[in-house]
ModelCIF file with pLDDT and N, C-alpha, C, O atoms, coordinates in Angstrom:
data_MODEL
#
_entry.id   MODEL 
#
_entity.id                         1 
_entity.type                       polymer 
_entity.pdbx_number_of_molecules   1 
#
_entity_poly.entity_id                      1 
_entity_poly.type                           'polypeptide(L)' 
_entity_poly.nstd_linkage                   no 
_entity_poly.nstd_monomer                   no 
_entity_poly.pdbx_seq_one_letter_code       LNAISKRASDIHIEPFEDSVYVRYRIDGVLHDILTLPEKLKRN 
_entity_poly.pdbx_seq_one_letter_code_can   LNAISKRASDIHIEPFEDSVYVRYRIDGVLHDILTLPEKLKRN 
_entity_poly.pdbx_strand_id                 A 
#
loop_
_entity_poly_seq.entity_id 
_entity_poly_seq.num 
_entity_poly_seq.mon_id 
_entity_poly_seq.hetero 
1 1  LEU n 
1 2  ASN n 
1 3  ALA n 
1 4  ILE n 
1 5  SER n 
1 6  LYS n 
1 7  ARG n 
1 8  ALA n 
1 9  SER n 
1 10 ASP n 
1 11 ILE n 
1 12 HIS n 
1 13 ILE n 
1 14 GLU n 
1 15 PRO n 
1 16 PHE n 
1 17 GLU n 
1 18 ASP n 
1 19 SER n 
1 20 VAL n 
1 21 TYR n 
1 22 VAL n 
1 23 ARG n 
1 24 TYR n 
1 25 ARG n 
1 26 ILE n 
1 27 ASP n 
1 28 GLY n 
1 29 VAL n 
1 30 LEU n 
1 31 HIS n 
1 32 ASP n 
1 33 ILE n 
1 34 LEU n 
1 35 THR n 
1 36 LEU n 
1 37 PRO n 
1 38 GLU n 
1 39 LYS n 
1 40 LEU n 
1 41 LYS n 
1 42 ARG n 
1 43 ASN n 
#
_struct_asym.id          A 
_struct_asym.entity_id   1 
#
loop_
_ma_qa_metric.id 
_ma_qa_metric.mode 
_ma_qa_metric.name 
_ma_qa_metric.software_group_id 
_ma_qa_metric.type 
1 global pLDDT . pLDDT 
2 local  pLDDT . pLDDT 
#
_ma_qa_metric_global.metric_id      1 
_ma_qa_metric_global.metric_value   88.63 
_ma_qa_metric_global.model_id       1 
_ma_qa_metric_global.ordinal_id     1 
#
loop_
_ma_qa_metric_local.label_asym_id 
_ma_qa_metric_local.label_comp_id 
_ma_qa_metric_local.label_seq_id 
_ma_qa_metric_local.metric_id 
_ma_qa_metric_local.metric_value 
_ma_qa_metric_local.model_id 
_ma_qa_metric_local.ordinal_id 
A LEU 1  2 85.00 1 1  
A ASN 2  2 84.00 1 2  
A ALA 3  2 88.00 1 3  
A ILE 4  2 86.00 1 4  
A SER 5  2 81.00 1 5  
A LYS 6  2 84.00 1 6  
A ARG 7  2 85.00 1 7  
A ALA 8  2 90.00 1 8  
A SER 9  2 91.00 1 9  
A ASP 10 2 94.00 1 10 
A ILE 11 2 96.00 1 11 
A HIS 12 2 96.00 1 12 
A ILE 13 2 95.00 1 13 
A GLU 14 2 95.00 1 14 
A PRO 15 2 93.00 1 15 
A PHE 16 2 91.00 1 16 
A GLU 17 2 87.00 1 17 
A ASP 18 2 87.00 1 18 
A SER 19 2 88.00 1 19 
A VAL 20 2 91.00 1 20 
A TYR 21 2 92.00 1 21 
A VAL 22 2 93.00 1 22 
A ARG 23 2 94.00 1 23 
A TYR 24 2 93.00 1 24 
A ARG 25 2 93.00 1 25 
A ILE 26 2 90.00 1 26 
A ASP 27 2 89.00 1 27 
A GLY 28 2 87.00 1 28 
A VAL 29 2 88.00 1 29 
A LEU 30 2 90.00 1 30 
A HIS 31 2 89.00 1 31 
A ASP 32 2 88.00 1 32 
A ILE 33 2 86.00 1 33 
A LEU 34 2 86.00 1 34 
A THR 35 2 86.00 1 35 
A LEU 36 2 87.00 1 36 
A PRO 37 2 86.00 1 37 
A GLU 38 2 85.00 1 38 
A LYS 39 2 82.00 1 39 
A LEU 40 2 84.00 1 40 
A LYS 41 2 85.00 1 41 
A ARG 42 2 86.00 1 42 
A ASN 43 2 85.00 1 43 
#
loop_
_atom_site.group_PDB 
_atom_site.id 
_atom_site.type_symbol 
_atom_site.label_atom_id 
_atom_site.label_alt_id 
_atom_site.label_comp_id 
_atom_site.label_asym_id 
_atom_site.label_entity_id 
_atom_site.label_seq_id 
_atom_site.pdbx_PDB_ins_code 
_atom_site.Cartn_x 
_atom_site.Cartn_y 
_atom_site.Cartn_z 
_atom_site.occupancy 
_atom_site.B_iso_or_equiv 
_atom_site.pdbx_formal_charge 
_atom_site.auth_seq_id 
_atom_site.auth_comp_id 
_atom_site.auth_asym_id 
_atom_site.auth_atom_id 
_atom_site.pdbx_PDB_model_num 
ATOM 1   N N  . LEU A 1 1  ? -7.058 7.509   -4.293  1.00 85.00 ? 1  LEU A N  1 
ATOM 2   C CA . LEU A 1 1  ? -8.179 8.557   -3.622  1.00 85.00 ? 1  LEU A CA 1 
ATOM 3   C C  . LEU A 1 1  ? -8.230 8.430   -1.819  1.00 85.00 ? 1  LEU A C  1 
ATOM 4   O O  . LEU A 1 1  ? -8.422 9.124   -0.820  1.00 85.00 ? 1  LEU A O  1 
ATOM 5   N N  . ASN A 1 2  ? -7.920 7.072   -2.222  1.00 84.00 ? 2  ASN A N  1 
ATOM 6   C CA . ASN A 1 2  ? -7.840 6.647   -0.405  1.00 84.00 ? 2  ASN A CA 1 
ATOM 7   C C  . ASN A 1 2  ? -6.705 7.056   -0.172  1.00 84.00 ? 2  ASN A C  1 
ATOM 8   O O  . ASN A 1 2  ? -6.718 7.736   0.854   1.00 84.00 ? 2  ASN A O  1 
ATOM 9   N N  . ALA A 1 3  ? -5.855 6.989   -0.558  1.00 88.00 ? 3  ALA A N  1 
ATOM 10  C CA . ALA A 1 3  ? -4.343 7.404   -0.106  1.00 88.00 ? 3  ALA A CA 1 
ATOM 11  C C  . ALA A 1 3  ? -4.480 9.789   0.210   1.00 88.00 ? 3  ALA A C  1 
ATOM 12  O O  . ALA A 1 3  ? -4.036 10.506  1.107   1.00 88.00 ? 3  ALA A O  1 
ATOM 13  N N  . ILE A 1 4  ? -5.184 10.059  -0.894  1.00 86.00 ? 4  ILE A N  1 
ATOM 14  C CA . ILE A 1 4  ? -4.932 11.557  -0.483  1.00 86.00 ? 4  ILE A CA 1 
ATOM 15  C C  . ILE A 1 4  ? -6.323 12.008  0.667   1.00 86.00 ? 4  ILE A C  1 
ATOM 16  O O  . ILE A 1 4  ? -6.151 12.851  1.547   1.00 86.00 ? 4  ILE A O  1 
ATOM 17  N N  . SER A 1 5  ? -7.894 11.164  0.425   1.00 81.00 ? 5  SER A N  1 
ATOM 18  C CA . SER A 1 5  ? -8.125 11.526  2.150   1.00 81.00 ? 5  SER A CA 1 
ATOM 19  C C  . SER A 1 5  ? -7.478 11.139  3.295   1.00 81.00 ? 5  SER A C  1 
ATOM 20  O O  . SER A 1 5  ? -7.922 11.586  4.352   1.00 81.00 ? 5  SER A O  1 
ATOM 21  N N  . LYS A 1 6  ? -6.781 10.602  3.314   1.00 84.00 ? 6  LYS A N  1 
ATOM 22  C CA . LYS A 1 6  ? -6.185 9.760   4.334   1.00 84.00 ? 6  LYS A CA 1 
ATOM 23  C C  . LYS A 1 6  ? -5.136 10.904  4.862   1.00 84.00 ? 6  LYS A C  1 
ATOM 24  O O  . LYS A 1 6  ? -4.710 10.863  6.016   1.00 84.00 ? 6  LYS A O  1 
ATOM 25  N N  . ARG A 1 7  ? -4.686 12.099  3.781   1.00 85.00 ? 7  ARG A N  1 
ATOM 26  C CA . ARG A 1 7  ? -3.552 13.095  3.832   1.00 85.00 ? 7  ARG A CA 1 
ATOM 27  C C  . ARG A 1 7  ? -2.445 12.193  3.740   1.00 85.00 ? 7  ARG A C  1 
ATOM 28  O O  . ARG A 1 7  ? -1.452 12.790  4.157   1.00 85.00 ? 7  ARG A O  1 
ATOM 29  N N  . ALA A 1 8  ? -2.133 10.910  3.349   1.00 90.00 ? 8  ALA A N  1 
ATOM 30  C CA . ALA A 1 8  ? -0.857 10.415  3.286   1.00 90.00 ? 8  ALA A CA 1 
ATOM 31  C C  . ALA A 1 8  ? -0.068 11.307  2.209   1.00 90.00 ? 8  ALA A C  1 
ATOM 32  O O  . ALA A 1 8  ? -0.565 12.084  1.395   1.00 90.00 ? 8  ALA A O  1 
ATOM 33  N N  . SER A 1 9  ? 1.591  10.932  2.455   1.00 91.00 ? 9  SER A N  1 
ATOM 34  C CA . SER A 1 9  ? 2.397  11.384  1.839   1.00 91.00 ? 9  SER A CA 1 
ATOM 35  C C  . SER A 1 9  ? 2.793  10.540  0.404   1.00 91.00 ? 9  SER A C  1 
ATOM 36  O O  . SER A 1 9  ? 2.763  10.831  -0.792  1.00 91.00 ? 9  SER A O  1 
ATOM 37  N N  . ASP A 1 10 ? 3.145  9.446   1.117   1.00 94.00 ? 10 ASP A N  1 
ATOM 38  C CA . ASP A 1 10 ? 3.300  8.404   0.734   1.00 94.00 ? 10 ASP A CA 1 
ATOM 39  C C  . ASP A 1 10 ? 2.709  7.324   0.197   1.00 94.00 ? 10 ASP A C  1 
ATOM 40  O O  . ASP A 1 10 ? 1.565  7.365   0.650   1.00 94.00 ? 10 ASP A O  1 
ATOM 41  N N  . ILE A 1 11 ? 2.834  6.087   -0.715  1.00 96.00 ? 11 ILE A N  1 
ATOM 42  C CA . ILE A 1 11 ? 1.904  5.031   -1.041  1.00 96.00 ? 11 ILE A CA 1 
ATOM 43  C C  . ILE A 1 11 ? 3.072  3.998   -1.258  1.00 96.00 ? 11 ILE A C  1 
ATOM 44  O O  . ILE A 1 11 ? 3.928  4.193   -2.121  1.00 96.00 ? 11 ILE A O  1 
ATOM 45  N N  . HIS A 1 12 ? 3.073  2.717   -0.311  1.00 96.00 ? 12 HIS A N  1 
ATOM 46  C CA . HIS A 1 12 ? 4.103  1.923   -0.794  1.00 96.00 ? 12 HIS A CA 1 
ATOM 47  C C  . HIS A 1 12 ? 3.208  0.806   -1.819  1.00 96.00 ? 12 HIS A C  1 
ATOM 48  O O  . HIS A 1 12 ? 2.031  0.454   -1.742  1.00 96.00 ? 12 HIS A O  1 
ATOM 49  N N  . ILE A 1 13 ? 3.894  0.564   -2.435  1.00 95.00 ? 13 ILE A N  1 
ATOM 50  C CA . ILE A 1 13 ? 3.257  -0.672  -3.564  1.00 95.00 ? 13 ILE A CA 1 
ATOM 51  C C  . ILE A 1 13 ? 4.198  -1.837  -3.091  1.00 95.00 ? 13 ILE A C  1 
ATOM 52  O O  . ILE A 1 13 ? 5.283  -1.533  -3.588  1.00 95.00 ? 13 ILE A O  1 
ATOM 53  N N  . GLU A 1 14 ? 4.362  -3.021  -2.388  1.00 95.00 ? 14 GLU A N  1 
ATOM 54  C CA . GLU A 1 14 ? 5.453  -3.958  -2.021  1.00 95.00 ? 14 GLU A CA 1 
ATOM 55  C C  . GLU A 1 14 ? 5.048  -5.662  -2.385  1.00 95.00 ? 14 GLU A C  1 
ATOM 56  O O  . GLU A 1 14 ? 4.195  -6.374  -1.855  1.00 95.00 ? 14 GLU A O  1 
ATOM 57  N N  . PRO A 1 15 ? 5.650  -5.854  -3.071  1.00 93.00 ? 15 PRO A N  1 
ATOM 58  C CA . PRO A 1 15 ? 5.459  -7.469  -3.506  1.00 93.00 ? 15 PRO A CA 1 
ATOM 59  C C  . PRO A 1 15 ? 6.239  -8.072  -2.856  1.00 93.00 ? 15 PRO A C  1 
ATOM 60  O O  . PRO A 1 15 ? 7.431  -7.852  -2.638  1.00 93.00 ? 15 PRO A O  1 
ATOM 61  N N  . PHE A 1 16 ? 5.125  -9.401  -2.296  1.00 91.00 ? 16 PHE A N  1 
ATOM 62  C CA . PHE A 1 16 ? 6.256  -10.309 -1.665  1.00 91.00 ? 16 PHE A CA 1 
ATOM 63  C C  . PHE A 1 16 ? 5.887  -11.603 -2.553  1.00 91.00 ? 16 PHE A C  1 
ATOM 64  O O  . PHE A 1 16 ? 5.217  -11.443 -3.573  1.00 91.00 ? 16 PHE A O  1 
ATOM 65  N N  . GLU A 1 17 ? 6.418  -13.161 -2.082  1.00 87.00 ? 17 GLU A N  1 
ATOM 66  C CA . GLU A 1 17 ? 6.085  -14.023 -2.310  1.00 87.00 ? 17 GLU A CA 1 
ATOM 67  C C  . GLU A 1 17 ? 4.607  -14.488 -3.072  1.00 87.00 ? 17 GLU A C  1 
ATOM 68  O O  . GLU A 1 17 ? 4.445  -14.887 -4.225  1.00 87.00 ? 17 GLU A O  1 
ATOM 69  N N  . ASP A 1 18 ? 3.719  -14.304 -2.112  1.00 87.00 ? 18 ASP A N  1 
ATOM 70  C CA . ASP A 1 18 ? 2.199  -14.869 -2.056  1.00 87.00 ? 18 ASP A CA 1 
ATOM 71  C C  . ASP A 1 18 ? 1.491  -13.578 -1.925  1.00 87.00 ? 18 ASP A C  1 
ATOM 72  O O  . ASP A 1 18 ? 0.507  -14.090 -1.392  1.00 87.00 ? 18 ASP A O  1 
ATOM 73  N N  . SER A 1 19 ? 1.197  -12.376 -1.972  1.00 88.00 ? 19 SER A N  1 
ATOM 74  C CA . SER A 1 19 ? 1.073  -11.134 -1.927  1.00 88.00 ? 19 SER A CA 1 
ATOM 75  C C  . SER A 1 19 ? 1.225  -10.063 -2.238  1.00 88.00 ? 19 SER A C  1 
ATOM 76  O O  . SER A 1 19 ? 2.141  -9.917  -3.047  1.00 88.00 ? 19 SER A O  1 
ATOM 77  N N  . VAL A 1 20 ? 0.443  -8.729  -1.794  1.00 91.00 ? 20 VAL A N  1 
ATOM 78  C CA . VAL A 1 20 ? 1.079  -7.447  -2.671  1.00 91.00 ? 20 VAL A CA 1 
ATOM 79  C C  . VAL A 1 20 ? 0.804  -7.136  -1.311  1.00 91.00 ? 20 VAL A C  1 
ATOM 80  O O  . VAL A 1 20 ? -0.063 -7.874  -0.841  1.00 91.00 ? 20 VAL A O  1 
ATOM 81  N N  . TYR A 1 21 ? 1.475  -5.871  -0.141  1.00 92.00 ? 21 TYR A N  1 
ATOM 82  C CA . TYR A 1 21 ? 0.693  -5.225  0.540   1.00 92.00 ? 21 TYR A CA 1 
ATOM 83  C C  . TYR A 1 21 ? 0.659  -3.747  0.236   1.00 92.00 ? 21 TYR A C  1 
ATOM 84  O O  . TYR A 1 21 ? 1.686  -3.237  -0.211  1.00 92.00 ? 21 TYR A O  1 
ATOM 85  N N  . VAL A 1 22 ? -0.540 -2.920  0.453   1.00 93.00 ? 22 VAL A N  1 
ATOM 86  C CA . VAL A 1 22 ? -0.382 -1.466  0.043   1.00 93.00 ? 22 VAL A CA 1 
ATOM 87  C C  . VAL A 1 22 ? 0.329  -0.978  1.968   1.00 93.00 ? 22 VAL A C  1 
ATOM 88  O O  . VAL A 1 22 ? 0.442  -1.417  3.112   1.00 93.00 ? 22 VAL A O  1 
ATOM 89  N N  . ARG A 1 23 ? 0.491  -0.279  1.452   1.00 94.00 ? 23 ARG A N  1 
ATOM 90  C CA . ARG A 1 23 ? 1.237  0.954   2.848   1.00 94.00 ? 23 ARG A CA 1 
ATOM 91  C C  . ARG A 1 23 ? 0.699  2.020   2.855   1.00 94.00 ? 23 ARG A C  1 
ATOM 92  O O  . ARG A 1 23 ? 0.366  2.292   1.702   1.00 94.00 ? 23 ARG A O  1 
ATOM 93  N N  . TYR A 1 24 ? 0.337  3.045   3.779   1.00 93.00 ? 24 TYR A N  1 
ATOM 94  C CA . TYR A 1 24 ? 0.691  5.007   3.037   1.00 93.00 ? 24 TYR A CA 1 
ATOM 95  C C  . TYR A 1 24 ? 1.510  5.175   4.644   1.00 93.00 ? 24 TYR A C  1 
ATOM 96  O O  . TYR A 1 24 ? 1.529  4.531   5.693   1.00 93.00 ? 24 TYR A O  1 
ATOM 97  N N  . ARG A 1 25 ? 2.153  6.458   4.104   1.00 93.00 ? 25 ARG A N  1 
ATOM 98  C CA . ARG A 1 25 ? 2.976  6.973   4.789   1.00 93.00 ? 25 ARG A CA 1 
ATOM 99  C C  . ARG A 1 25 ? 2.118  8.138   5.436   1.00 93.00 ? 25 ARG A C  1 
ATOM 100 O O  . ARG A 1 25 ? 1.961  9.119   4.709   1.00 93.00 ? 25 ARG A O  1 
ATOM 101 N N  . ILE A 1 26 ? 1.523  8.180   6.726   1.00 90.00 ? 26 ILE A N  1 
ATOM 102 C CA . ILE A 1 26 ? 0.406  9.492   7.495   1.00 90.00 ? 26 ILE A CA 1 
ATOM 103 C C  . ILE A 1 26 ? 1.071  9.968   9.371   1.00 90.00 ? 26 ILE A C  1 
ATOM 104 O O  . ILE A 1 26 ? 1.202  9.495   10.500  1.00 90.00 ? 26 ILE A O  1 
ATOM 105 N N  . ASP A 1 27 ? 1.365  11.577  8.320   1.00 89.00 ? 27 ASP A N  1 
ATOM 106 C CA . ASP A 1 27 ? 1.920  11.967  9.651   1.00 89.00 ? 27 ASP A CA 1 
ATOM 107 C C  . ASP A 1 27 ? 3.309  11.227  9.418   1.00 89.00 ? 27 ASP A C  1 
ATOM 108 O O  . ASP A 1 27 ? 3.654  10.939  10.564  1.00 89.00 ? 27 ASP A O  1 
ATOM 109 N N  . GLY A 1 28 ? 3.979  10.912  8.825   1.00 87.00 ? 28 GLY A N  1 
ATOM 110 C CA . GLY A 1 28 ? 5.838  10.355  8.921   1.00 87.00 ? 28 GLY A CA 1 
ATOM 111 C C  . GLY A 1 28 ? 5.757  8.409   9.344   1.00 87.00 ? 28 GLY A C  1 
ATOM 112 O O  . GLY A 1 28 ? 6.701  7.633   9.493   1.00 87.00 ? 28 GLY A O  1 
ATOM 113 N N  . VAL A 1 29 ? 4.361  8.158   9.426   1.00 88.00 ? 29 VAL A N  1 
ATOM 114 C CA . VAL A 1 29 ? 4.669  6.807   10.305  1.00 88.00 ? 29 VAL A CA 1 
ATOM 115 C C  . VAL A 1 29 ? 3.711  5.769   9.197   1.00 88.00 ? 29 VAL A C  1 
ATOM 116 O O  . VAL A 1 29 ? 2.582  5.953   8.743   1.00 88.00 ? 29 VAL A O  1 
ATOM 117 N N  . LEU A 1 30 ? 4.524  4.819   9.029   1.00 90.00 ? 30 LEU A N  1 
ATOM 118 C CA . LEU A 1 30 ? 3.725  4.091   7.520   1.00 90.00 ? 30 LEU A CA 1 
ATOM 119 C C  . LEU A 1 30 ? 2.686  3.045   8.453   1.00 90.00 ? 30 LEU A C  1 
ATOM 120 O O  . LEU A 1 30 ? 2.875  2.642   9.601   1.00 90.00 ? 30 LEU A O  1 
ATOM 121 N N  . HIS A 1 31 ? 1.481  2.752   7.491   1.00 89.00 ? 31 HIS A N  1 
ATOM 122 C CA . HIS A 1 31 ? 0.729  2.003   7.897   1.00 89.00 ? 31 HIS A CA 1 
ATOM 123 C C  . HIS A 1 31 ? 0.153  0.882   7.183   1.00 89.00 ? 31 HIS A C  1 
ATOM 124 O O  . HIS A 1 31 ? 0.379  0.864   5.973   1.00 89.00 ? 31 HIS A O  1 
ATOM 125 N N  . ASP A 1 32 ? -0.688 -0.254  7.772   1.00 88.00 ? 32 ASP A N  1 
ATOM 126 C CA . ASP A 1 32 ? -0.603 -1.117  6.612   1.00 88.00 ? 32 ASP A CA 1 
ATOM 127 C C  . ASP A 1 32 ? -2.393 -0.505  6.221   1.00 88.00 ? 32 ASP A C  1 
ATOM 128 O O  . ASP A 1 32 ? -3.201 0.111   6.916   1.00 88.00 ? 32 ASP A O  1 
ATOM 129 N N  . ILE A 1 33 ? -2.459 -1.031  4.794   1.00 86.00 ? 33 ILE A N  1 
ATOM 130 C CA . ILE A 1 33 ? -3.883 -0.907  4.727   1.00 86.00 ? 33 ILE A CA 1 
ATOM 131 C C  . ILE A 1 33 ? -4.215 -2.233  3.739   1.00 86.00 ? 33 ILE A C  1 
ATOM 132 O O  . ILE A 1 33 ? -4.876 -3.205  4.104   1.00 86.00 ? 33 ILE A O  1 
ATOM 133 N N  . LEU A 1 34 ? -3.949 -2.156  3.154   1.00 86.00 ? 34 LEU A N  1 
ATOM 134 C CA . LEU A 1 34 ? -4.404 -3.442  1.964   1.00 86.00 ? 34 LEU A CA 1 
ATOM 135 C C  . LEU A 1 34 ? -3.166 -4.761  1.659   1.00 86.00 ? 34 LEU A C  1 
ATOM 136 O O  . LEU A 1 34 ? -1.949 -4.730  1.473   1.00 86.00 ? 34 LEU A O  1 
ATOM 137 N N  . THR A 1 35 ? -4.074 -5.747  1.714   1.00 86.00 ? 35 THR A N  1 
ATOM 138 C CA . THR A 1 35 ? -3.524 -7.298  0.953   1.00 86.00 ? 35 THR A CA 1 
ATOM 139 C C  . THR A 1 35 ? -4.180 -7.630  0.120   1.00 86.00 ? 35 THR A C  1 
ATOM 140 O O  . THR A 1 35 ? -5.303 -8.086  0.333   1.00 86.00 ? 35 THR A O  1 
ATOM 141 N N  . LEU A 1 36 ? -3.432 -7.433  -1.627  1.00 87.00 ? 36 LEU A N  1 
ATOM 142 C CA . LEU A 1 36 ? -3.349 -7.562  -2.431  1.00 87.00 ? 36 LEU A CA 1 
ATOM 143 C C  . LEU A 1 36 ? -3.501 -9.413  -3.019  1.00 87.00 ? 36 LEU A C  1 
ATOM 144 O O  . LEU A 1 36 ? -3.446 -10.176 -2.055  1.00 87.00 ? 36 LEU A O  1 
ATOM 145 N N  . PRO A 1 37 ? -3.616 -9.901  -3.947  1.00 86.00 ? 37 PRO A N  1 
ATOM 146 C CA . PRO A 1 37 ? -3.585 -11.259 -4.149  1.00 86.00 ? 37 PRO A CA 1 
ATOM 147 C C  . PRO A 1 37 ? -2.405 -11.228 -5.087  1.00 86.00 ? 37 PRO A C  1 
ATOM 148 O O  . PRO A 1 37 ? -2.427 -10.449 -6.040  1.00 86.00 ? 37 PRO A O  1 
ATOM 149 N N  . GLU A 1 38 ? -1.179 -12.179 -4.837  1.00 85.00 ? 38 GLU A N  1 
ATOM 150 C CA . GLU A 1 38 ? 0.012  -12.276 -6.040  1.00 85.00 ? 38 GLU A CA 1 
ATOM 151 C C  . GLU A 1 38 ? -0.568 -12.198 -7.242  1.00 85.00 ? 38 GLU A C  1 
ATOM 152 O O  . GLU A 1 38 ? 0.019  -11.209 -7.681  1.00 85.00 ? 38 GLU A O  1 
ATOM 153 N N  . LYS A 1 39 ? -1.460 -12.607 -8.272  1.00 82.00 ? 39 LYS A N  1 
ATOM 154 C CA . LYS A 1 39 ? -1.567 -12.839 -9.062  1.00 82.00 ? 39 LYS A CA 1 
ATOM 155 C C  . LYS A 1 39 ? -1.771 -11.027 -9.971  1.00 82.00 ? 39 LYS A C  1 
ATOM 156 O O  . LYS A 1 39 ? -1.729 -10.723 -11.163 1.00 82.00 ? 39 LYS A O  1 
ATOM 157 N N  . LEU A 1 40 ? -2.022 -10.064 -8.511  1.00 84.00 ? 40 LEU A N  1 
ATOM 158 C CA . LEU A 1 40 ? -2.479 -8.604  -9.672  1.00 84.00 ? 40 LEU A CA 1 
ATOM 159 C C  . LEU A 1 40 ? -0.849 -8.184  -10.128 1.00 84.00 ? 40 LEU A C  1 
ATOM 160 O O  . LEU A 1 40 ? -0.389 -7.891  -11.232 1.00 84.00 ? 40 LEU A O  1 
ATOM 161 N N  . LYS A 1 41 ? -0.229 -8.288  -8.831  1.00 85.00 ? 41 LYS A N  1 
ATOM 162 C CA . LYS A 1 41 ? 0.998  -7.847  -9.193  1.00 85.00 ? 41 LYS A CA 1 
ATOM 163 C C  . LYS A 1 41 ? 1.818  -6.862  -10.238 1.00 85.00 ? 41 LYS A C  1 
ATOM 164 O O  . LYS A 1 41 ? 2.278  -5.737  -10.045 1.00 85.00 ? 41 LYS A O  1 
ATOM 165 N N  . ARG A 1 42 ? 1.835  -7.865  -11.649 1.00 86.00 ? 42 ARG A N  1 
ATOM 166 C CA . ARG A 1 42 ? 2.221  -7.321  -12.853 1.00 86.00 ? 42 ARG A CA 1 
ATOM 167 C C  . ARG A 1 42 ? 1.185  -6.418  -13.525 1.00 86.00 ? 42 ARG A C  1 
ATOM 168 O O  . ARG A 1 42 ? 1.365  -5.420  -14.223 1.00 86.00 ? 42 ARG A O  1 
ATOM 169 N N  . ASN A 1 43 ? 0.095  -7.000  -13.153 1.00 85.00 ? 43 ASN A N  1 
ATOM 170 C CA . ASN A 1 43 ? -0.893 -6.308  -13.904 1.00 85.00 ? 43 ASN A CA 1 
ATOM 171 C C  . ASN A 1 43 ? -0.926 -4.893  -13.057 1.00 85.00 ? 43 ASN A C  1 
ATOM 172 O O  . ASN A 1 43 ? -1.685 -3.986  -13.399 1.00 85.00 ? 43 ASN A O  1 
#
């Protein structure tokens, strides 16, 4: 919902060693939005 309200065209959910990053592509450019704890990535 947050992505749609920001007019994003893509949502990137990217897992790394100790966290999960959420980025939105808005008007062709990626923006960092949220950092989630690593333990959430599987679920």
